[in-house]
């Protein structure tokens, strides 16, 4: 399983905490298990390497496509609030380009699902039919 130190060694420009890395890694692994019907054994080194690679790729994609998404995963959009004041009157408003929590979550889910499908679609592990083996 990919460790935080291995991740940082392969992606030194990705600045995320170990806690966030572990959280994303667990989320990605749960999604892989769901989409592959938990058919991947821990002893299969080839598939474990594929899991490590797709985990690395997903975190890199999330980081570089949306640094705000990872650095601000809770949905705090306080940086997007602007204000104007004239005399005693003050007006505060949110920027139109702020991302809601639901949009962040939907973006994250889509990236994770798309990259897992690309990595595992031709392995036979995502087949929903009857497995005779």
N, C-alpha and C. Protein backbone atom coordinates (compact mmCIF):
# COMPACT_ATOMS: atom_id res chain seq x y z
N UNK A 1 0.84 -1.17 0.00
CA UNK A 1 0.00 0.00 0.00
C UNK A 1 0.89 1.24 0.00
N UNK A 2 0.49 2.22 -0.77
CA UNK A 2 1.23 3.47 -0.91
C UNK A 2 1.28 4.21 0.42
N UNK A 3 2.49 4.57 0.86
CA UNK A 3 2.64 5.33 2.10
C UNK A 3 2.78 6.82 1.78
N UNK A 4 2.62 7.64 2.80
CA UNK A 4 2.74 9.08 2.62
C UNK A 4 4.15 9.46 2.16
N UNK A 5 5.17 8.82 2.72
CA UNK A 5 6.55 9.15 2.33
C UNK A 5 6.82 8.74 0.87
N UNK A 6 6.28 7.60 0.43
CA UNK A 6 6.43 7.21 -0.98
C UNK A 6 5.70 8.19 -1.89
N UNK A 7 4.51 8.62 -1.46
CA UNK A 7 3.75 9.59 -2.23
C UNK A 7 4.54 10.89 -2.38
N UNK A 8 5.09 11.39 -1.27
CA UNK A 8 5.84 12.66 -1.30
C UNK A 8 7.11 12.52 -2.14
N UNK A 9 7.72 11.35 -2.13
CA UNK A 9 8.92 11.11 -2.94
C UNK A 9 8.59 11.17 -4.43
N UNK A 10 7.45 10.59 -4.81
CA UNK A 10 7.05 10.59 -6.22
C UNK A 10 6.45 11.92 -6.66
N UNK A 11 5.83 12.65 -5.75
CA UNK A 11 5.16 13.92 -6.07
C UNK A 11 5.58 15.01 -5.09
N UNK A 12 6.81 15.47 -5.19
CA UNK A 12 7.29 16.47 -4.21
C UNK A 12 6.59 17.82 -4.32
N UNK A 13 5.98 18.13 -5.45
CA UNK A 13 5.32 19.43 -5.62
C UNK A 13 3.90 19.46 -5.07
N UNK A 14 3.39 18.32 -4.64
CA UNK A 14 2.04 18.26 -4.08
C UNK A 14 2.15 18.51 -2.58
N UNK A 15 1.59 19.62 -2.14
CA UNK A 15 1.70 20.04 -0.75
C UNK A 15 0.41 19.75 0.00
N UNK A 16 0.25 18.49 0.45
CA UNK A 16 -0.90 18.15 1.28
C UNK A 16 -0.39 17.49 2.56
N UNK A 17 -1.20 17.55 3.59
CA UNK A 17 -0.81 16.96 4.86
C UNK A 17 -0.97 15.45 4.82
N UNK A 18 -0.33 14.79 5.76
CA UNK A 18 -0.44 13.34 5.83
C UNK A 18 -1.87 12.92 6.16
N UNK A 19 -2.54 13.67 7.00
CA UNK A 19 -3.93 13.36 7.34
C UNK A 19 -4.85 13.42 6.13
N UNK A 20 -4.69 14.46 5.31
CA UNK A 20 -5.50 14.58 4.10
C UNK A 20 -5.16 13.47 3.12
N UNK A 21 -3.88 13.14 3.00
CA UNK A 21 -3.46 12.04 2.13
C UNK A 21 -4.13 10.74 2.55
N UNK A 22 -4.07 10.42 3.85
CA UNK A 22 -4.66 9.18 4.34
C UNK A 22 -6.17 9.15 4.14
N UNK A 23 -6.82 10.28 4.34
CA UNK A 23 -8.26 10.37 4.13
C UNK A 23 -8.62 10.11 2.66
N UNK A 24 -7.91 10.75 1.75
CA UNK A 24 -8.16 10.54 0.32
C UNK A 24 -7.84 9.11 -0.09
N UNK A 25 -6.76 8.56 0.46
CA UNK A 25 -6.37 7.20 0.13
C UNK A 25 -7.45 6.20 0.57
N UNK A 26 -7.99 6.39 1.77
CA UNK A 26 -9.07 5.51 2.24
C UNK A 26 -10.31 5.64 1.35
N UNK A 27 -10.64 6.87 0.99
CA UNK A 27 -11.82 7.10 0.14
C UNK A 27 -11.64 6.44 -1.22
N UNK A 28 -10.45 6.58 -1.80
CA UNK A 28 -10.16 5.97 -3.10
C UNK A 28 -10.21 4.45 -3.00
N UNK A 29 -9.62 3.89 -1.95
CA UNK A 29 -9.61 2.43 -1.77
C UNK A 29 -11.03 1.88 -1.60
N UNK A 30 -11.85 2.58 -0.82
CA UNK A 30 -13.24 2.14 -0.66
C UNK A 30 -13.98 2.14 -1.99
N UNK A 31 -13.72 3.16 -2.80
CA UNK A 31 -14.39 3.25 -4.10
C UNK A 31 -13.91 2.16 -5.05
N UNK A 32 -12.60 1.87 -5.01
CA UNK A 32 -12.06 0.77 -5.82
C UNK A 32 -12.71 -0.54 -5.40
N UNK A 33 -12.79 -0.79 -4.10
CA UNK A 33 -13.42 -2.02 -3.61
C UNK A 33 -14.88 -2.11 -4.04
N UNK A 34 -15.57 -0.99 -4.01
CA UNK A 34 -16.98 -0.97 -4.42
C UNK A 34 -17.12 -1.28 -5.91
N UNK A 35 -16.32 -0.63 -6.74
CA UNK A 35 -16.45 -0.79 -8.19
C UNK A 35 -15.93 -2.14 -8.69
N UNK A 36 -15.03 -2.76 -7.92
CA UNK A 36 -14.49 -4.06 -8.32
C UNK A 36 -15.09 -5.20 -7.51
N UNK A 37 -16.11 -4.89 -6.72
CA UNK A 37 -16.81 -5.89 -5.91
C UNK A 37 -15.86 -6.63 -4.97
N UNK A 38 -14.87 -5.92 -4.46
CA UNK A 38 -13.87 -6.43 -3.51
C UNK A 38 -13.19 -7.70 -4.00
N UNK A 39 -12.90 -7.74 -5.28
CA UNK A 39 -12.26 -8.91 -5.88
C UNK A 39 -10.74 -8.84 -5.86
N UNK A 40 -10.17 -7.75 -5.39
CA UNK A 40 -8.72 -7.60 -5.39
C UNK A 40 -8.16 -8.12 -4.07
N UNK A 41 -7.31 -9.13 -4.16
CA UNK A 41 -6.71 -9.68 -2.95
C UNK A 41 -5.45 -8.88 -2.59
N UNK A 42 -5.16 -8.84 -1.30
CA UNK A 42 -3.99 -8.11 -0.83
C UNK A 42 -2.69 -8.75 -1.32
N UNK A 43 -2.72 -10.02 -1.69
CA UNK A 43 -1.53 -10.71 -2.14
C UNK A 43 -1.19 -10.49 -3.61
N UNK A 44 -2.08 -9.90 -4.37
CA UNK A 44 -1.85 -9.66 -5.79
C UNK A 44 -1.01 -8.39 -5.97
N UNK A 45 0.29 -8.57 -6.14
CA UNK A 45 1.22 -7.43 -6.21
C UNK A 45 0.96 -6.54 -7.43
N UNK A 46 0.59 -7.13 -8.56
CA UNK A 46 0.34 -6.35 -9.77
C UNK A 46 -0.84 -5.41 -9.58
N UNK A 47 -1.93 -5.93 -9.04
CA UNK A 47 -3.10 -5.09 -8.83
C UNK A 47 -2.88 -4.09 -7.69
N UNK A 48 -2.10 -4.48 -6.68
CA UNK A 48 -1.79 -3.53 -5.61
C UNK A 48 -0.97 -2.36 -6.14
N UNK A 49 -0.05 -2.64 -7.08
CA UNK A 49 0.72 -1.55 -7.69
C UNK A 49 -0.21 -0.66 -8.51
N UNK A 50 -1.17 -1.27 -9.20
CA UNK A 50 -2.13 -0.48 -9.97
C UNK A 50 -2.96 0.42 -9.04
N UNK A 51 -3.34 -0.10 -7.89
CA UNK A 51 -4.07 0.71 -6.90
C UNK A 51 -3.20 1.88 -6.43
N UNK A 52 -1.93 1.60 -6.13
CA UNK A 52 -1.02 2.67 -5.70
C UNK A 52 -0.87 3.73 -6.78
N UNK A 53 -0.72 3.29 -8.03
CA UNK A 53 -0.55 4.23 -9.14
C UNK A 53 -1.79 5.09 -9.35
N UNK A 54 -2.97 4.47 -9.31
CA UNK A 54 -4.20 5.24 -9.52
C UNK A 54 -4.45 6.18 -8.34
N UNK A 55 -4.09 5.77 -7.13
CA UNK A 55 -4.21 6.65 -5.97
C UNK A 55 -3.32 7.87 -6.14
N UNK A 56 -2.09 7.64 -6.56
CA UNK A 56 -1.15 8.74 -6.81
C UNK A 56 -1.70 9.68 -7.88
N UNK A 57 -2.19 9.11 -8.96
CA UNK A 57 -2.72 9.92 -10.07
C UNK A 57 -3.95 10.72 -9.67
N UNK A 58 -4.84 10.12 -8.90
CA UNK A 58 -6.06 10.82 -8.48
C UNK A 58 -5.71 12.00 -7.58
N UNK A 59 -4.84 11.77 -6.60
CA UNK A 59 -4.48 12.86 -5.69
C UNK A 59 -3.77 13.97 -6.44
N UNK A 60 -2.88 13.62 -7.36
CA UNK A 60 -2.20 14.64 -8.17
C UNK A 60 -3.21 15.43 -9.00
N UNK A 61 -4.15 14.74 -9.63
CA UNK A 61 -5.16 15.41 -10.45
C UNK A 61 -6.01 16.35 -9.62
N UNK A 62 -6.47 15.87 -8.47
CA UNK A 62 -7.28 16.72 -7.60
C UNK A 62 -6.48 17.94 -7.15
N UNK A 63 -5.22 17.73 -6.82
CA UNK A 63 -4.40 18.83 -6.32
C UNK A 63 -4.15 19.88 -7.40
N UNK A 64 -3.71 19.44 -8.56
CA UNK A 64 -3.33 20.40 -9.59
C UNK A 64 -4.53 21.00 -10.31
N UNK A 65 -5.66 20.29 -10.38
CA UNK A 65 -6.85 20.86 -11.02
C UNK A 65 -7.58 21.82 -10.10
N UNK A 66 -7.47 21.60 -8.83
CA UNK A 66 -8.20 22.46 -7.90
C UNK A 66 -7.50 22.49 -6.55
N UNK A 67 -6.51 23.33 -6.41
CA UNK A 67 -5.82 23.45 -5.12
C UNK A 67 -6.78 23.90 -4.04
N UNK A 68 -7.73 24.73 -4.40
CA UNK A 68 -8.72 25.18 -3.42
C UNK A 68 -9.52 24.00 -2.89
N UNK A 69 -9.79 23.03 -3.74
CA UNK A 69 -10.57 21.86 -3.34
C UNK A 69 -9.88 21.10 -2.22
N UNK A 70 -8.59 20.84 -2.37
CA UNK A 70 -7.89 20.07 -1.36
C UNK A 70 -7.50 20.91 -0.15
N UNK A 71 -7.07 22.13 -0.37
CA UNK A 71 -6.66 22.97 0.74
C UNK A 71 -7.84 23.48 1.54
N UNK A 72 -9.02 23.42 0.96
CA UNK A 72 -10.20 23.96 1.59
C UNK A 72 -11.34 22.96 1.49
N UNK A 73 -11.08 21.71 1.86
CA UNK A 73 -12.01 20.61 1.62
C UNK A 73 -13.31 20.77 2.40
N UNK A 74 -13.28 21.53 3.49
CA UNK A 74 -14.48 21.69 4.30
C UNK A 74 -15.49 22.60 3.64
N UNK A 75 -15.12 23.32 2.61
CA UNK A 75 -16.05 24.19 1.93
C UNK A 75 -16.05 25.61 2.47
N UNK A 76 -15.05 25.97 3.23
CA UNK A 76 -14.97 27.31 3.77
C UNK A 76 -14.66 28.28 2.64
N UNK A 77 -15.59 29.15 2.33
CA UNK A 77 -15.39 30.08 1.22
C UNK A 77 -15.18 31.49 1.72
N UNK A 78 -14.62 31.63 2.93
CA UNK A 78 -14.45 32.97 3.50
C UNK A 78 -13.48 33.82 2.68
N UNK A 79 -12.56 33.18 1.95
CA UNK A 79 -11.65 33.96 1.11
C UNK A 79 -12.39 34.59 -0.05
N UNK A 80 -13.55 34.07 -0.39
CA UNK A 80 -14.30 34.56 -1.54
C UNK A 80 -15.25 35.70 -1.18
N UNK A 81 -15.31 36.07 0.09
CA UNK A 81 -16.20 37.15 0.50
C UNK A 81 -15.47 38.47 0.35
N UNK A 82 -16.08 39.38 -0.36
CA UNK A 82 -15.53 40.71 -0.58
C UNK A 82 -16.45 41.72 0.08
N UNK A 83 -15.91 42.86 0.42
CA UNK A 83 -16.76 43.88 1.03
C UNK A 83 -16.38 45.26 0.52
N UNK A 84 -17.35 46.14 0.59
CA UNK A 84 -17.15 47.55 0.25
C UNK A 84 -17.77 48.37 1.37
N UNK A 85 -17.13 49.44 1.70
CA UNK A 85 -17.74 50.32 2.70
C UNK A 85 -17.60 51.76 2.25
N UNK A 86 -18.68 52.49 2.46
CA UNK A 86 -18.72 53.92 2.15
C UNK A 86 -19.31 54.60 3.38
N UNK A 87 -18.49 55.34 4.08
CA UNK A 87 -18.97 55.98 5.30
C UNK A 87 -19.39 54.92 6.30
N UNK A 88 -20.64 55.00 6.75
CA UNK A 88 -21.15 54.05 7.73
C UNK A 88 -21.73 52.80 7.09
N UNK A 89 -21.88 52.80 5.80
CA UNK A 89 -22.52 51.68 5.11
C UNK A 89 -21.48 50.67 4.63
N UNK A 90 -21.78 49.42 4.86
CA UNK A 90 -20.86 48.36 4.45
C UNK A 90 -21.68 47.27 3.75
N UNK A 91 -21.18 46.80 2.63
CA UNK A 91 -21.83 45.73 1.87
C UNK A 91 -20.84 44.59 1.71
N UNK A 92 -21.28 43.35 2.02
CA UNK A 92 -20.46 42.16 1.82
C UNK A 92 -21.15 41.25 0.81
N UNK A 93 -20.37 40.66 -0.05
CA UNK A 93 -20.94 39.76 -1.04
C UNK A 93 -19.94 38.68 -1.38
N UNK A 94 -20.46 37.55 -1.79
CA UNK A 94 -19.61 36.42 -2.18
C UNK A 94 -19.33 36.52 -3.67
N UNK A 95 -18.12 36.13 -4.04
CA UNK A 95 -17.78 36.12 -5.45
C UNK A 95 -18.57 35.03 -6.16
N UNK A 96 -18.91 35.28 -7.40
CA UNK A 96 -19.70 34.32 -8.17
C UNK A 96 -18.94 33.04 -8.46
N UNK A 97 -17.62 33.08 -8.43
CA UNK A 97 -16.85 31.89 -8.79
C UNK A 97 -16.54 31.00 -7.59
N UNK A 98 -17.15 31.26 -6.45
CA UNK A 98 -16.91 30.39 -5.30
C UNK A 98 -17.59 29.04 -5.55
N UNK A 99 -16.98 28.00 -5.02
CA UNK A 99 -17.45 26.63 -5.24
C UNK A 99 -18.19 26.17 -3.99
N UNK A 100 -19.38 25.65 -4.17
CA UNK A 100 -20.15 25.16 -3.02
C UNK A 100 -19.59 23.80 -2.58
N UNK A 101 -19.94 23.41 -1.39
CA UNK A 101 -19.50 22.12 -0.86
C UNK A 101 -20.00 20.98 -1.74
N UNK A 102 -21.25 21.06 -2.19
CA UNK A 102 -21.80 20.00 -3.04
C UNK A 102 -21.06 19.91 -4.37
N UNK A 103 -20.70 21.05 -4.95
CA UNK A 103 -19.95 21.04 -6.21
C UNK A 103 -18.56 20.44 -6.01
N UNK A 104 -17.91 20.76 -4.90
CA UNK A 104 -16.59 20.19 -4.60
C UNK A 104 -16.68 18.67 -4.46
N UNK A 105 -17.70 18.23 -3.73
CA UNK A 105 -17.87 16.79 -3.52
C UNK A 105 -18.17 16.07 -4.83
N UNK A 106 -19.02 16.66 -5.65
CA UNK A 106 -19.36 16.07 -6.96
C UNK A 106 -18.13 16.01 -7.86
N UNK A 107 -17.32 17.07 -7.87
CA UNK A 107 -16.09 17.10 -8.66
C UNK A 107 -15.15 15.98 -8.20
N UNK A 108 -14.97 15.86 -6.89
CA UNK A 108 -14.08 14.83 -6.35
C UNK A 108 -14.57 13.44 -6.72
N UNK A 109 -15.86 13.17 -6.55
CA UNK A 109 -16.42 11.86 -6.90
C UNK A 109 -16.22 11.54 -8.37
N UNK A 110 -16.46 12.51 -9.23
CA UNK A 110 -16.31 12.29 -10.67
C UNK A 110 -14.87 11.97 -11.05
N UNK A 111 -13.92 12.71 -10.48
CA UNK A 111 -12.50 12.46 -10.78
C UNK A 111 -12.11 11.06 -10.31
N UNK A 112 -12.49 10.72 -9.09
CA UNK A 112 -12.14 9.41 -8.54
C UNK A 112 -12.74 8.28 -9.39
N UNK A 113 -14.03 8.36 -9.68
CA UNK A 113 -14.68 7.30 -10.47
C UNK A 113 -14.10 7.17 -11.86
N UNK A 114 -13.87 8.29 -12.52
CA UNK A 114 -13.34 8.25 -13.89
C UNK A 114 -11.96 7.61 -13.95
N UNK A 115 -11.10 7.98 -13.02
CA UNK A 115 -9.74 7.45 -13.06
C UNK A 115 -9.69 5.98 -12.64
N UNK A 116 -10.54 5.57 -11.72
CA UNK A 116 -10.61 4.16 -11.34
C UNK A 116 -11.11 3.33 -12.52
N UNK A 117 -12.13 3.81 -13.20
CA UNK A 117 -12.64 3.08 -14.37
C UNK A 117 -11.57 2.94 -15.44
N UNK A 118 -10.82 4.01 -15.70
CA UNK A 118 -9.74 3.93 -16.69
C UNK A 118 -8.71 2.88 -16.29
N UNK A 119 -8.42 2.77 -15.02
CA UNK A 119 -7.38 1.85 -14.56
C UNK A 119 -7.84 0.40 -14.50
N UNK A 120 -9.13 0.16 -14.24
CA UNK A 120 -9.59 -1.20 -13.98
C UNK A 120 -10.62 -1.75 -14.96
N UNK A 121 -11.02 -0.98 -15.95
CA UNK A 121 -12.12 -1.38 -16.82
C UNK A 121 -11.82 -2.67 -17.60
N UNK A 122 -10.60 -2.88 -18.01
CA UNK A 122 -10.27 -4.05 -18.83
C UNK A 122 -9.64 -5.19 -18.03
N UNK A 123 -9.78 -5.15 -16.72
CA UNK A 123 -9.22 -6.23 -15.89
C UNK A 123 -10.23 -7.34 -15.63
N UNK A 124 -11.50 -7.09 -15.95
CA UNK A 124 -12.55 -8.05 -15.64
C UNK A 124 -13.07 -7.94 -14.22
N UNK A 125 -12.44 -7.09 -13.42
CA UNK A 125 -12.84 -6.95 -12.02
C UNK A 125 -14.12 -6.14 -11.83
N UNK A 126 -14.49 -5.37 -12.85
CA UNK A 126 -15.67 -4.53 -12.74
C UNK A 126 -16.90 -5.19 -13.37
N UNK A 127 -16.76 -6.44 -13.78
CA UNK A 127 -17.85 -7.18 -14.41
C UNK A 127 -18.92 -7.52 -13.37
N UNK A 128 -20.17 -7.18 -13.66
CA UNK A 128 -21.25 -7.38 -12.70
C UNK A 128 -21.94 -8.73 -12.84
N UNK A 129 -21.60 -9.48 -13.86
CA UNK A 129 -22.27 -10.75 -14.09
C UNK A 129 -21.78 -11.85 -13.17
N UNK A 130 -22.16 -13.06 -13.49
CA UNK A 130 -21.79 -14.22 -12.68
C UNK A 130 -20.37 -14.62 -12.99
N UNK A 131 -19.58 -14.84 -11.95
CA UNK A 131 -18.20 -15.29 -12.09
C UNK A 131 -18.16 -16.78 -11.80
N UNK A 132 -17.83 -17.59 -12.80
CA UNK A 132 -17.83 -19.05 -12.64
C UNK A 132 -16.61 -19.56 -11.87
N UNK A 133 -15.62 -18.71 -11.67
CA UNK A 133 -14.38 -19.17 -11.00
C UNK A 133 -14.55 -19.30 -9.54
